[in-house]
Amino acid sequence: MASRACKPATIFESKTVDIQHCPDCKMIHLTMGSITVRMSEHHFSEFAKDLSRGLFEFNTTINEQPSLRVMM
């Protein structure tokens, strides 16, 4: 749970995610619907890289299978 001094500021917001940074606790607050995950700045950076790599692999796999359709 966030400390009382914790005052995160939104750094990015979309329909699916709200990303906040708290300079007091040096944590990223990643909110997706009713789920909030707090992680260190370093962990968030590594997590974002992993998501990017995963998306690349996913898109590569989808493009190799022309019969598979994805609804967007």
Protein backbone atom coordinates (compact mmCIF):
# COMPACT_ATOMS: atom_id res chain seq x y z
CA MET A 1 0.00 0.00 0.00
CA ALA A 2 1.22 3.51 -0.76
CA SER A 3 2.57 5.58 2.12
CA ARG A 4 0.80 8.75 3.22
CA ALA A 5 3.55 10.89 1.67
CA CYS A 6 3.01 9.17 -1.67
CA LYS A 7 1.57 11.59 -4.24
CA PRO A 8 1.90 10.00 -7.67
CA ALA A 9 1.49 12.15 -10.78
CA THR A 10 0.10 10.75 -14.02
CA ILE A 11 2.75 10.46 -16.72
CA PHE A 12 0.57 8.59 -19.25
CA GLU A 13 -3.11 7.73 -19.47
CA SER A 14 -5.14 5.81 -22.04
CA LYS A 15 -8.35 3.78 -22.20
CA THR A 16 -6.52 0.72 -20.85
CA VAL A 17 -3.85 2.01 -18.49
CA ASP A 18 -2.90 4.86 -16.17
CA ILE A 19 0.82 5.15 -15.44
CA GLN A 20 1.81 7.31 -12.49
CA HIS A 21 5.18 8.15 -10.95
CA CYS A 22 5.74 9.06 -7.33
CA PRO A 23 8.93 11.04 -6.70
CA ASP A 24 8.59 10.45 -2.93
CA CYS A 25 8.62 6.64 -2.99
CA LYS A 26 10.39 6.38 -6.40
CA MET A 27 7.76 3.91 -7.58
CA ILE A 28 5.68 3.55 -10.72
CA HIS A 29 1.97 2.94 -10.16
CA LEU A 30 0.54 1.01 -13.12
CA THR A 31 -3.28 0.90 -13.01
CA MET A 32 -5.27 -1.31 -15.38
CA GLY A 33 -8.95 -1.18 -14.49
CA SER A 34 -9.31 -2.35 -10.90
CA ILE A 35 -5.72 -3.66 -10.71
CA THR A 36 -2.83 -1.47 -9.57
CA VAL A 37 0.75 -2.70 -9.63
CA ARG A 38 3.53 -0.75 -7.96
CA MET A 39 7.09 -1.32 -9.08
CA SER A 40 10.45 0.36 -8.87
CA GLU A 41 11.51 2.70 -11.65
CA HIS A 42 14.12 0.13 -12.80
CA HIS A 43 11.62 -2.76 -12.75
CA PHE A 44 9.13 -0.68 -14.75
CA SER A 45 11.78 0.12 -17.35
CA GLU A 46 12.69 -3.57 -17.73
CA PHE A 47 9.00 -4.56 -17.76
CA ALA A 48 8.29 -2.04 -20.56
CA LYS A 49 11.18 -3.48 -22.61
CA ASP A 50 9.86 -7.01 -22.08
CA LEU A 51 6.35 -5.96 -23.15
CA SER A 52 7.77 -4.35 -26.27
CA ARG A 53 9.72 -7.50 -27.11
CA GLY A 54 6.67 -9.64 -26.43
CA LEU A 55 4.52 -7.48 -28.71
CA PHE A 56 7.14 -7.74 -31.45
CA GLU A 57 7.21 -11.55 -31.14
CA PHE A 58 3.42 -11.69 -31.06
CA ASN A 59 3.14 -9.57 -34.21
CA THR A 60 5.82 -11.69 -35.91
CA THR A 61 3.90 -14.87 -35.07
CA ILE A 62 0.61 -13.39 -36.30
CA ASN A 63 2.18 -12.30 -39.60
CA GLU A 64 3.57 -15.81 -40.19
CA GLN A 65 0.04 -17.24 -39.99
CA PRO A 66 -2.03 -15.44 -42.66
CA SER A 67 -5.16 -17.45 -41.86
CA LEU A 68 -5.24 -16.12 -38.28
CA ARG A 69 -7.30 -12.96 -37.91
CA VAL A 70 -7.08 -10.50 -35.05
CA MET A 71 -10.00 -8.22 -34.23
CA MET A 72 -8.93 -4.72 -33.24
